N, C-alpha and C. Protein backbone atom coordinates (compact mmCIF):
# COMPACT_ATOMS: atom_id res chain seq x y z
N MET A 1 -15.67 -10.05 16.28
CA MET A 1 -14.85 -8.95 16.75
C MET A 1 -15.74 -7.77 17.15
N LEU A 2 -16.76 -7.50 16.36
CA LEU A 2 -17.66 -6.39 16.67
C LEU A 2 -18.44 -6.65 17.94
N VAL A 3 -18.85 -7.89 18.17
CA VAL A 3 -19.55 -8.23 19.40
C VAL A 3 -18.64 -8.00 20.60
N ASN A 4 -17.38 -8.38 20.48
CA ASN A 4 -16.43 -8.20 21.58
C ASN A 4 -16.17 -6.73 21.91
N PHE A 5 -16.28 -5.85 20.93
CA PHE A 5 -16.12 -4.43 21.22
C PHE A 5 -17.17 -3.95 22.21
N LEU A 6 -18.37 -4.53 22.12
CA LEU A 6 -19.48 -4.11 22.97
C LEU A 6 -19.59 -4.93 24.25
N ALA A 7 -19.01 -6.10 24.29
CA ALA A 7 -19.13 -7.00 25.44
C ALA A 7 -18.21 -6.55 26.57
N GLU A 8 -18.65 -6.87 27.80
CA GLU A 8 -17.82 -6.52 28.97
C GLU A 8 -16.61 -7.45 29.06
N HIS A 9 -16.84 -8.74 28.88
CA HIS A 9 -15.74 -9.71 28.90
C HIS A 9 -15.37 -10.05 27.46
N LYS A 10 -14.18 -9.71 27.08
CA LYS A 10 -13.73 -9.87 25.70
C LYS A 10 -13.14 -11.27 25.50
N THR A 11 -13.94 -12.18 24.97
CA THR A 11 -13.46 -13.54 24.74
C THR A 11 -13.81 -13.96 23.31
N ILE A 12 -13.05 -14.93 22.84
CA ILE A 12 -13.33 -15.52 21.53
C ILE A 12 -12.94 -16.98 21.61
N SER A 13 -13.73 -17.82 20.98
CA SER A 13 -13.41 -19.25 20.96
C SER A 13 -12.24 -19.48 20.02
N ALA A 14 -11.64 -20.66 20.14
CA ALA A 14 -10.53 -21.00 19.23
C ALA A 14 -11.03 -21.04 17.79
N ASP A 15 -12.22 -21.61 17.57
CA ASP A 15 -12.79 -21.65 16.22
C ASP A 15 -13.03 -20.24 15.69
N GLY A 16 -13.57 -19.38 16.55
CA GLY A 16 -13.79 -17.99 16.16
C GLY A 16 -12.49 -17.29 15.81
N CYS A 17 -11.45 -17.61 16.57
CA CYS A 17 -10.13 -17.02 16.31
C CYS A 17 -9.61 -17.47 14.94
N PHE A 18 -9.76 -18.74 14.62
CA PHE A 18 -9.28 -19.24 13.34
C PHE A 18 -10.08 -18.68 12.17
N VAL A 19 -11.36 -18.47 12.37
CA VAL A 19 -12.18 -17.83 11.33
C VAL A 19 -11.70 -16.40 11.12
N GLN A 20 -11.43 -15.71 12.23
CA GLN A 20 -10.95 -14.33 12.14
C GLN A 20 -9.60 -14.27 11.41
N ILE A 21 -8.70 -15.21 11.70
CA ILE A 21 -7.40 -15.26 11.03
C ILE A 21 -7.61 -15.45 9.53
N PHE A 22 -8.52 -16.34 9.15
CA PHE A 22 -8.80 -16.57 7.74
C PHE A 22 -9.23 -15.26 7.07
N PHE A 23 -10.15 -14.53 7.71
CA PHE A 23 -10.68 -13.31 7.10
C PHE A 23 -9.76 -12.11 7.25
N ILE A 24 -8.69 -12.24 8.00
CA ILE A 24 -7.64 -11.21 8.02
C ILE A 24 -6.67 -11.46 6.87
N PHE A 25 -6.30 -12.72 6.67
CA PHE A 25 -5.34 -13.07 5.62
C PHE A 25 -5.94 -12.97 4.22
N LEU A 26 -7.22 -13.27 4.07
CA LEU A 26 -7.84 -13.27 2.75
C LEU A 26 -7.73 -11.92 2.05
N PRO A 27 -8.22 -10.83 2.63
CA PRO A 27 -8.10 -9.55 1.92
C PRO A 27 -6.67 -9.03 1.89
N ALA A 28 -5.87 -9.36 2.90
CA ALA A 28 -4.49 -8.88 2.90
C ALA A 28 -3.71 -9.47 1.73
N GLY A 29 -3.87 -10.76 1.48
CA GLY A 29 -3.19 -11.39 0.34
C GLY A 29 -3.72 -10.89 -0.99
N ALA A 30 -5.02 -10.66 -1.06
CA ALA A 30 -5.62 -10.18 -2.31
C ALA A 30 -5.26 -8.73 -2.58
N ASP A 31 -5.21 -7.91 -1.53
CA ASP A 31 -4.94 -6.48 -1.69
C ASP A 31 -3.60 -6.20 -2.36
N ILE A 32 -2.61 -7.00 -2.03
CA ILE A 32 -1.28 -6.79 -2.61
C ILE A 32 -1.35 -6.88 -4.14
N PHE A 33 -2.07 -7.87 -4.64
CA PHE A 33 -2.16 -8.05 -6.08
C PHE A 33 -3.18 -7.13 -6.72
N ILE A 34 -4.18 -6.72 -5.98
CA ILE A 34 -5.12 -5.72 -6.50
C ILE A 34 -4.40 -4.39 -6.66
N LEU A 35 -3.49 -4.07 -5.75
CA LEU A 35 -2.68 -2.84 -5.90
C LEU A 35 -1.80 -2.93 -7.15
N SER A 36 -1.28 -4.11 -7.44
CA SER A 36 -0.51 -4.28 -8.68
C SER A 36 -1.39 -4.13 -9.91
N ALA A 37 -2.60 -4.67 -9.85
CA ALA A 37 -3.54 -4.54 -10.96
C ALA A 37 -3.91 -3.07 -11.16
N MET A 38 -4.08 -2.34 -10.07
CA MET A 38 -4.38 -0.91 -10.16
C MET A 38 -3.20 -0.15 -10.77
N ALA A 39 -1.98 -0.55 -10.41
CA ALA A 39 -0.79 0.08 -10.99
C ALA A 39 -0.74 -0.18 -12.49
N TYR A 40 -1.06 -1.40 -12.91
CA TYR A 40 -1.09 -1.73 -14.33
C TYR A 40 -2.15 -0.93 -15.05
N ASP A 41 -3.32 -0.77 -14.42
CA ASP A 41 -4.39 0.03 -15.00
C ASP A 41 -3.95 1.48 -15.17
N CYS A 42 -3.34 2.05 -14.13
CA CYS A 42 -2.84 3.44 -14.22
C CYS A 42 -1.75 3.56 -15.26
N TYR A 43 -0.85 2.57 -15.30
CA TYR A 43 0.22 2.59 -16.29
C TYR A 43 -0.34 2.63 -17.71
N THR A 44 -1.32 1.79 -17.96
CA THR A 44 -1.93 1.75 -19.30
C THR A 44 -2.66 3.05 -19.61
N ALA A 45 -3.37 3.59 -18.63
CA ALA A 45 -4.13 4.83 -18.84
C ALA A 45 -3.22 6.03 -19.10
N ILE A 46 -2.07 6.09 -18.43
CA ILE A 46 -1.17 7.24 -18.56
C ILE A 46 -0.15 7.03 -19.67
N CYS A 47 0.47 5.87 -19.71
CA CYS A 47 1.59 5.63 -20.63
C CYS A 47 1.16 5.14 -22.01
N ASP A 48 0.01 4.53 -22.13
CA ASP A 48 -0.45 3.99 -23.40
C ASP A 48 -1.97 4.18 -23.54
N PRO A 49 -2.42 5.45 -23.49
CA PRO A 49 -3.87 5.70 -23.44
C PRO A 49 -4.63 5.28 -24.70
N LEU A 50 -3.98 5.28 -25.85
CA LEU A 50 -4.69 4.91 -27.08
C LEU A 50 -5.04 3.42 -27.12
N CYS A 51 -4.30 2.61 -26.41
CA CYS A 51 -4.56 1.17 -26.38
C CYS A 51 -5.28 0.73 -25.09
N TYR A 52 -5.73 1.69 -24.29
CA TYR A 52 -6.31 1.37 -22.99
C TYR A 52 -7.50 0.42 -23.10
N MET A 53 -8.45 0.72 -23.93
CA MET A 53 -9.66 -0.10 -24.02
C MET A 53 -9.35 -1.52 -24.51
N GLU A 54 -8.33 -1.65 -25.32
CA GLU A 54 -7.95 -2.97 -25.81
C GLU A 54 -7.16 -3.74 -24.75
N THR A 55 -6.27 -3.04 -24.07
CA THR A 55 -5.40 -3.68 -23.08
C THR A 55 -6.15 -4.03 -21.81
N ILE A 56 -6.97 -3.10 -21.32
CA ILE A 56 -7.72 -3.32 -20.08
C ILE A 56 -9.17 -3.67 -20.44
N SER A 57 -9.35 -4.84 -20.98
CA SER A 57 -10.70 -5.29 -21.34
C SER A 57 -11.39 -5.85 -20.10
N LYS A 58 -12.67 -6.10 -20.22
CA LYS A 58 -13.43 -6.67 -19.11
C LYS A 58 -12.86 -8.02 -18.70
N GLY A 59 -12.46 -8.82 -19.67
CA GLY A 59 -11.88 -10.14 -19.38
C GLY A 59 -10.58 -10.04 -18.60
N ILE A 60 -9.73 -9.08 -18.98
CA ILE A 60 -8.47 -8.88 -18.26
C ILE A 60 -8.75 -8.43 -16.84
N CYS A 61 -9.71 -7.52 -16.66
CA CYS A 61 -10.07 -7.05 -15.31
C CYS A 61 -10.55 -8.20 -14.45
N VAL A 62 -11.41 -9.03 -14.99
CA VAL A 62 -11.92 -10.19 -14.25
C VAL A 62 -10.78 -11.14 -13.91
N LEU A 63 -9.89 -11.37 -14.85
CA LEU A 63 -8.74 -12.25 -14.62
C LEU A 63 -7.83 -11.71 -13.51
N LEU A 64 -7.52 -10.41 -13.55
CA LEU A 64 -6.64 -9.81 -12.55
C LEU A 64 -7.26 -9.86 -11.15
N VAL A 65 -8.53 -9.50 -11.06
CA VAL A 65 -9.18 -9.48 -9.75
C VAL A 65 -9.41 -10.89 -9.21
N SER A 66 -9.87 -11.80 -10.05
CA SER A 66 -10.09 -13.16 -9.57
C SER A 66 -8.77 -13.84 -9.22
N GLY A 67 -7.72 -13.56 -9.97
CA GLY A 67 -6.40 -14.09 -9.62
C GLY A 67 -5.91 -13.56 -8.28
N ALA A 68 -6.13 -12.28 -8.03
CA ALA A 68 -5.72 -11.69 -6.75
C ALA A 68 -6.47 -12.34 -5.60
N TRP A 69 -7.78 -12.52 -5.74
CA TRP A 69 -8.57 -13.14 -4.67
C TRP A 69 -8.22 -14.61 -4.51
N ALA A 70 -7.89 -15.30 -5.60
CA ALA A 70 -7.49 -16.71 -5.50
C ALA A 70 -6.18 -16.84 -4.73
N ILE A 71 -5.23 -15.97 -5.00
CA ILE A 71 -3.96 -16.00 -4.27
C ILE A 71 -4.19 -15.69 -2.80
N GLY A 72 -5.03 -14.70 -2.52
CA GLY A 72 -5.36 -14.38 -1.13
C GLY A 72 -6.03 -15.54 -0.42
N PHE A 73 -6.91 -16.24 -1.12
CA PHE A 73 -7.62 -17.39 -0.56
C PHE A 73 -6.65 -18.52 -0.24
N ILE A 74 -5.75 -18.82 -1.16
CA ILE A 74 -4.76 -19.89 -0.94
C ILE A 74 -3.84 -19.54 0.22
N ASN A 75 -3.36 -18.30 0.27
CA ASN A 75 -2.51 -17.85 1.36
C ASN A 75 -3.24 -17.96 2.70
N SER A 76 -4.49 -17.56 2.70
CA SER A 76 -5.28 -17.61 3.92
C SER A 76 -5.51 -19.05 4.38
N LEU A 77 -5.84 -19.92 3.46
CA LEU A 77 -6.04 -21.34 3.81
C LEU A 77 -4.76 -21.96 4.34
N LEU A 78 -3.63 -21.65 3.72
CA LEU A 78 -2.35 -22.22 4.13
C LEU A 78 -2.00 -21.80 5.56
N ASN A 79 -2.04 -20.50 5.84
CA ASN A 79 -1.64 -20.03 7.16
C ASN A 79 -2.65 -20.45 8.24
N ARG A 80 -3.93 -20.41 7.93
CA ARG A 80 -4.93 -20.83 8.91
C ARG A 80 -4.86 -22.34 9.12
N GLY A 81 -4.65 -23.08 8.05
CA GLY A 81 -4.54 -24.53 8.16
C GLY A 81 -3.40 -24.96 9.05
N LEU A 82 -2.27 -24.30 8.91
CA LEU A 82 -1.14 -24.63 9.78
C LEU A 82 -1.42 -24.21 11.22
N ALA A 83 -2.14 -23.13 11.41
CA ALA A 83 -2.48 -22.68 12.76
C ALA A 83 -3.42 -23.67 13.44
N LEU A 84 -4.25 -24.36 12.68
CA LEU A 84 -5.17 -25.35 13.26
C LEU A 84 -4.42 -26.51 13.90
N ARG A 85 -3.19 -26.75 13.47
CA ARG A 85 -2.39 -27.86 14.02
C ARG A 85 -1.79 -27.53 15.38
N LEU A 86 -1.82 -26.27 15.76
CA LEU A 86 -1.22 -25.86 17.04
C LEU A 86 -2.08 -26.31 18.21
N HIS A 87 -1.45 -26.52 19.34
CA HIS A 87 -2.16 -26.87 20.57
C HIS A 87 -1.92 -25.76 21.58
N PHE A 88 -2.95 -25.47 22.37
CA PHE A 88 -2.88 -24.41 23.36
C PHE A 88 -3.20 -24.99 24.73
N CYS A 89 -2.43 -24.58 25.72
CA CYS A 89 -2.58 -25.11 27.07
C CYS A 89 -3.32 -24.09 27.94
N GLY A 90 -4.45 -24.49 28.47
CA GLY A 90 -5.18 -23.66 29.42
C GLY A 90 -5.69 -22.36 28.83
N GLN A 91 -5.92 -21.41 29.71
CA GLN A 91 -6.41 -20.10 29.30
C GLN A 91 -5.32 -19.36 28.54
N SER A 92 -5.70 -18.73 27.48
CA SER A 92 -4.75 -17.96 26.67
C SER A 92 -5.34 -16.57 26.46
N GLN A 93 -4.47 -15.59 26.53
CA GLN A 93 -4.93 -14.21 26.36
C GLN A 93 -4.08 -13.54 25.29
N ILE A 94 -4.76 -12.95 24.30
CA ILE A 94 -4.09 -12.19 23.26
C ILE A 94 -4.36 -10.73 23.55
N SER A 95 -3.32 -9.96 23.64
CA SER A 95 -3.46 -8.53 23.94
C SER A 95 -3.60 -7.71 22.66
N HIS A 96 -4.56 -8.08 21.85
CA HIS A 96 -4.85 -7.39 20.61
C HIS A 96 -6.35 -7.25 20.49
N PHE A 97 -6.80 -6.34 19.65
CA PHE A 97 -8.25 -6.19 19.47
C PHE A 97 -8.81 -7.21 18.50
N SER A 98 -7.94 -7.91 17.79
CA SER A 98 -8.40 -9.00 16.92
C SER A 98 -7.47 -10.18 17.11
N CYS A 99 -7.93 -11.33 16.67
CA CYS A 99 -7.15 -12.55 16.80
C CYS A 99 -6.22 -12.65 15.59
N GLU A 100 -4.96 -12.31 15.77
CA GLU A 100 -4.00 -12.33 14.68
C GLU A 100 -3.02 -13.47 14.88
N LEU A 101 -2.41 -13.89 13.80
CA LEU A 101 -1.56 -15.08 13.83
C LEU A 101 -0.27 -14.90 14.64
N PRO A 102 0.52 -13.83 14.47
CA PRO A 102 1.77 -13.75 15.24
C PRO A 102 1.58 -13.84 16.75
N PRO A 103 0.64 -13.10 17.37
CA PRO A 103 0.47 -13.28 18.82
C PRO A 103 -0.06 -14.66 19.19
N LEU A 104 -0.86 -15.26 18.31
CA LEU A 104 -1.38 -16.60 18.56
C LEU A 104 -0.25 -17.63 18.57
N LEU A 105 0.73 -17.45 17.71
CA LEU A 105 1.86 -18.39 17.66
C LEU A 105 2.64 -18.38 18.97
N HIS A 106 2.70 -17.24 19.63
CA HIS A 106 3.43 -17.15 20.91
C HIS A 106 2.69 -17.87 22.04
N LEU A 107 1.39 -18.09 21.89
CA LEU A 107 0.60 -18.76 22.93
C LEU A 107 0.61 -20.27 22.79
N SER A 108 1.12 -20.77 21.70
CA SER A 108 1.07 -22.20 21.43
C SER A 108 2.00 -22.98 22.36
N CYS A 109 1.51 -24.13 22.82
CA CYS A 109 2.33 -25.04 23.63
C CYS A 109 3.25 -25.88 22.74
N THR A 110 2.89 -26.01 21.47
CA THR A 110 3.69 -26.79 20.54
C THR A 110 4.66 -25.86 19.79
N ASP A 111 5.61 -26.46 19.13
CA ASP A 111 6.58 -25.68 18.37
C ASP A 111 5.90 -25.03 17.17
N ALA A 112 6.01 -23.72 17.08
CA ALA A 112 5.36 -22.97 16.00
C ALA A 112 6.37 -22.49 14.97
N PHE A 113 7.55 -23.10 14.95
CA PHE A 113 8.60 -22.66 14.01
C PHE A 113 8.14 -22.78 12.56
N THR A 114 7.49 -23.89 12.22
CA THR A 114 7.00 -24.06 10.85
C THR A 114 6.01 -22.97 10.48
N ASN A 115 5.11 -22.65 11.41
CA ASN A 115 4.13 -21.59 11.17
C ASN A 115 4.82 -20.25 10.94
N GLN A 116 5.84 -19.96 11.75
CA GLN A 116 6.56 -18.70 11.61
C GLN A 116 7.29 -18.63 10.27
N VAL A 117 7.88 -19.73 9.86
CA VAL A 117 8.59 -19.77 8.58
C VAL A 117 7.60 -19.60 7.42
N VAL A 118 6.47 -20.30 7.48
CA VAL A 118 5.47 -20.18 6.41
C VAL A 118 4.90 -18.77 6.37
N LEU A 119 4.63 -18.19 7.53
CA LEU A 119 4.11 -16.82 7.58
C LEU A 119 5.10 -15.84 6.96
N LEU A 120 6.35 -15.91 7.37
CA LEU A 120 7.37 -15.02 6.81
C LEU A 120 7.58 -15.27 5.33
N THR A 121 7.61 -16.54 4.93
CA THR A 121 7.79 -16.89 3.53
C THR A 121 6.64 -16.37 2.68
N SER A 122 5.41 -16.52 3.17
CA SER A 122 4.27 -16.03 2.38
C SER A 122 4.30 -14.52 2.26
N VAL A 123 4.69 -13.83 3.32
CA VAL A 123 4.79 -12.37 3.27
C VAL A 123 5.86 -11.95 2.26
N VAL A 124 7.01 -12.61 2.32
CA VAL A 124 8.11 -12.27 1.41
C VAL A 124 7.75 -12.60 -0.03
N ILE A 125 7.17 -13.78 -0.27
CA ILE A 125 6.82 -14.16 -1.65
C ILE A 125 5.73 -13.25 -2.21
N LEU A 126 4.69 -13.00 -1.44
CA LEU A 126 3.61 -12.15 -1.94
C LEU A 126 4.12 -10.73 -2.18
N GLY A 127 4.88 -10.22 -1.22
CA GLY A 127 5.40 -8.86 -1.37
C GLY A 127 6.41 -8.73 -2.50
N SER A 128 7.35 -9.68 -2.57
CA SER A 128 8.41 -9.57 -3.58
C SER A 128 7.90 -9.88 -4.99
N SER A 129 6.78 -10.59 -5.09
CA SER A 129 6.27 -10.86 -6.43
C SER A 129 5.40 -9.72 -6.96
N SER A 130 4.83 -8.93 -6.08
CA SER A 130 3.97 -7.84 -6.55
C SER A 130 4.62 -6.46 -6.45
N PHE A 131 5.46 -6.25 -5.45
CA PHE A 131 6.02 -4.92 -5.24
C PHE A 131 6.88 -4.42 -6.41
N PRO A 132 7.81 -5.23 -6.95
CA PRO A 132 8.61 -4.71 -8.08
C PRO A 132 7.75 -4.29 -9.27
N PHE A 133 6.73 -5.09 -9.58
CA PHE A 133 5.83 -4.75 -10.68
C PHE A 133 5.13 -3.42 -10.42
N THR A 134 4.63 -3.26 -9.20
CA THR A 134 3.95 -2.02 -8.81
C THR A 134 4.91 -0.85 -8.87
N LEU A 135 6.09 -1.02 -8.32
CA LEU A 135 7.09 0.05 -8.29
C LEU A 135 7.51 0.47 -9.70
N ILE A 136 7.79 -0.49 -10.56
CA ILE A 136 8.20 -0.19 -11.93
C ILE A 136 7.07 0.53 -12.68
N SER A 137 5.84 0.09 -12.45
CA SER A 137 4.69 0.76 -13.10
C SER A 137 4.62 2.22 -12.70
N TYR A 138 4.75 2.49 -11.41
CA TYR A 138 4.65 3.88 -10.94
C TYR A 138 5.86 4.72 -11.35
N ILE A 139 7.03 4.12 -11.48
CA ILE A 139 8.20 4.86 -11.99
C ILE A 139 7.93 5.29 -13.43
N HIS A 140 7.41 4.38 -14.25
CA HIS A 140 7.07 4.73 -15.64
C HIS A 140 5.97 5.79 -15.69
N ILE A 141 4.99 5.67 -14.82
CA ILE A 141 3.88 6.64 -14.78
C ILE A 141 4.42 8.03 -14.43
N ILE A 142 5.22 8.12 -13.40
CA ILE A 142 5.76 9.42 -12.97
C ILE A 142 6.66 10.01 -14.05
N ALA A 143 7.49 9.16 -14.68
CA ALA A 143 8.35 9.65 -15.77
C ALA A 143 7.51 10.18 -16.93
N THR A 144 6.42 9.49 -17.25
CA THR A 144 5.54 9.94 -18.33
C THR A 144 4.85 11.25 -17.96
N ILE A 145 4.39 11.36 -16.72
CA ILE A 145 3.73 12.59 -16.27
C ILE A 145 4.69 13.77 -16.33
N LEU A 146 5.94 13.55 -15.95
CA LEU A 146 6.93 14.65 -15.96
C LEU A 146 7.26 15.11 -17.38
N ARG A 147 7.00 14.27 -18.38
CA ARG A 147 7.24 14.66 -19.78
C ARG A 147 6.07 15.41 -20.40
N ILE A 148 4.95 15.49 -19.70
CA ILE A 148 3.79 16.23 -20.21
C ILE A 148 4.09 17.72 -20.10
N HIS A 149 3.84 18.45 -21.17
CA HIS A 149 4.24 19.86 -21.23
C HIS A 149 3.25 20.81 -20.56
N SER A 150 1.96 20.50 -20.59
CA SER A 150 0.99 21.43 -20.01
C SER A 150 0.72 21.10 -18.54
N ALA A 151 0.53 22.14 -17.74
CA ALA A 151 0.24 21.95 -16.32
C ALA A 151 -1.11 21.26 -16.13
N GLU A 152 -2.07 21.60 -16.99
CA GLU A 152 -3.39 20.98 -16.91
C GLU A 152 -3.31 19.48 -17.20
N GLY A 153 -2.53 19.13 -18.20
CA GLY A 153 -2.35 17.71 -18.54
C GLY A 153 -1.65 16.95 -17.42
N MET A 154 -0.65 17.58 -16.81
CA MET A 154 0.05 16.94 -15.68
C MET A 154 -0.90 16.71 -14.51
N CYS A 155 -1.71 17.72 -14.20
CA CYS A 155 -2.66 17.58 -13.09
C CYS A 155 -3.69 16.49 -13.37
N LYS A 156 -4.18 16.45 -14.60
CA LYS A 156 -5.17 15.43 -14.96
C LYS A 156 -4.55 14.03 -14.88
N ALA A 157 -3.35 13.89 -15.39
CA ALA A 157 -2.68 12.59 -15.35
C ALA A 157 -2.36 12.18 -13.92
N PHE A 158 -1.89 13.12 -13.12
CA PHE A 158 -1.56 12.79 -11.73
C PHE A 158 -2.81 12.45 -10.93
N SER A 159 -3.92 13.14 -11.18
CA SER A 159 -5.15 12.84 -10.44
C SER A 159 -5.68 11.46 -10.77
N THR A 160 -5.35 10.94 -11.94
CA THR A 160 -5.77 9.60 -12.33
C THR A 160 -5.14 8.53 -11.44
N CYS A 161 -3.88 8.74 -11.06
CA CYS A 161 -3.18 7.68 -10.33
C CYS A 161 -2.76 8.08 -8.92
N SER A 162 -3.15 9.25 -8.44
CA SER A 162 -2.70 9.68 -7.11
C SER A 162 -3.30 8.82 -5.99
N SER A 163 -4.56 8.47 -6.08
CA SER A 163 -5.19 7.66 -5.02
C SER A 163 -4.52 6.29 -4.87
N PRO A 164 -4.36 5.53 -5.96
CA PRO A 164 -3.66 4.24 -5.81
C PRO A 164 -2.22 4.41 -5.34
N LEU A 165 -1.56 5.48 -5.76
CA LEU A 165 -0.17 5.72 -5.35
C LEU A 165 -0.10 5.99 -3.85
N ILE A 166 -1.05 6.73 -3.31
CA ILE A 166 -1.09 6.99 -1.87
C ILE A 166 -1.33 5.69 -1.10
N VAL A 167 -2.25 4.87 -1.59
CA VAL A 167 -2.52 3.59 -0.93
C VAL A 167 -1.28 2.70 -0.94
N VAL A 168 -0.59 2.64 -2.07
CA VAL A 168 0.65 1.86 -2.16
C VAL A 168 1.69 2.41 -1.19
N GLY A 169 1.78 3.73 -1.12
CA GLY A 169 2.74 4.37 -0.20
C GLY A 169 2.46 4.10 1.26
N LEU A 170 1.21 3.85 1.59
CA LEU A 170 0.85 3.52 2.98
C LEU A 170 0.91 2.01 3.23
N TRP A 171 0.49 1.21 2.25
CA TRP A 171 0.35 -0.23 2.44
C TRP A 171 1.69 -0.94 2.59
N TYR A 172 2.60 -0.75 1.66
CA TYR A 172 3.84 -1.52 1.67
C TYR A 172 4.75 -1.22 2.87
N PRO A 173 5.01 0.04 3.21
CA PRO A 173 5.88 0.27 4.37
C PRO A 173 5.29 -0.28 5.67
N THR A 174 4.02 -0.04 5.93
CA THR A 174 3.44 -0.53 7.19
C THR A 174 3.36 -2.05 7.20
N GLY A 175 3.00 -2.64 6.07
CA GLY A 175 2.92 -4.10 6.00
C GLY A 175 4.28 -4.76 6.17
N SER A 176 5.31 -4.19 5.56
CA SER A 176 6.63 -4.81 5.66
C SER A 176 7.21 -4.66 7.07
N VAL A 177 6.97 -3.53 7.72
CA VAL A 177 7.44 -3.35 9.09
C VAL A 177 6.70 -4.31 10.02
N GLN A 178 5.39 -4.40 9.87
CA GLN A 178 4.57 -5.24 10.74
C GLN A 178 4.91 -6.72 10.59
N ASN A 179 5.14 -7.17 9.38
CA ASN A 179 5.30 -8.60 9.14
C ASN A 179 6.73 -9.11 9.10
N THR A 180 7.70 -8.24 9.02
CA THR A 180 9.08 -8.72 8.93
C THR A 180 9.94 -8.33 10.12
N LYS A 181 9.36 -7.67 11.10
CA LYS A 181 10.16 -7.32 12.28
C LYS A 181 10.46 -8.60 13.08
N PRO A 182 11.62 -8.65 13.72
CA PRO A 182 11.94 -9.84 14.50
C PRO A 182 11.01 -9.99 15.70
N SER A 183 10.80 -11.22 16.15
CA SER A 183 9.89 -11.46 17.26
C SER A 183 10.39 -10.82 18.56
N SER A 184 11.70 -10.56 18.65
CA SER A 184 12.22 -9.90 19.84
C SER A 184 11.75 -8.46 19.94
N VAL A 185 11.36 -7.85 18.82
CA VAL A 185 10.89 -6.48 18.81
C VAL A 185 9.38 -6.43 19.06
N SER A 186 8.67 -7.53 18.79
CA SER A 186 7.23 -7.55 18.88
C SER A 186 6.74 -7.33 20.30
N SER A 187 5.87 -6.37 20.45
CA SER A 187 5.23 -6.10 21.72
C SER A 187 3.89 -5.44 21.46
N VAL A 188 3.05 -5.44 22.46
CA VAL A 188 1.72 -4.84 22.31
C VAL A 188 1.85 -3.36 22.03
N VAL A 189 2.77 -2.71 22.72
CA VAL A 189 2.95 -1.26 22.54
C VAL A 189 3.41 -0.93 21.13
N VAL A 190 4.41 -1.67 20.63
CA VAL A 190 4.94 -1.43 19.29
C VAL A 190 3.87 -1.74 18.25
N ASP A 191 3.16 -2.87 18.42
CA ASP A 191 2.13 -3.25 17.45
C ASP A 191 1.00 -2.25 17.45
């Protein structure tokens, strides 16, 4: 992708496109669960600070992060693997700066219904399995912060979790709009 930014003729091979799809899905799938792990970390730090060191041990951190990356890896392999089964007729042009799966599905000469269903299903499953946990954690965190009597304590507690909360506030709305909009709405301008 970086080479294409500098090249006069912007082309990518099919293999290069599939590699790019893999590396787009990998962090996207992992990030959802890393945000949940961060919410759990903030929840423990704010709502149960005396047990923080016991609850958030090195082993738990390794388990949470490796689990998130494993889920992202499986999701990436599944969606890329199904994309490898597609056939493309002649020259194909994607009007995006990177090779992404939804526009690639529209270029396929074969039926991509299964790919679309798996893509939507993976987005819904990943989002619905992590979002409620993240949301509930932040509701408890905010409720706990509002019960703190000193302004200094409130500021300190809020500064602990404000960065992850901002990321969650940006990640979920944009991701859900991008991945769940109907294909009739999809266009280069909107994307």
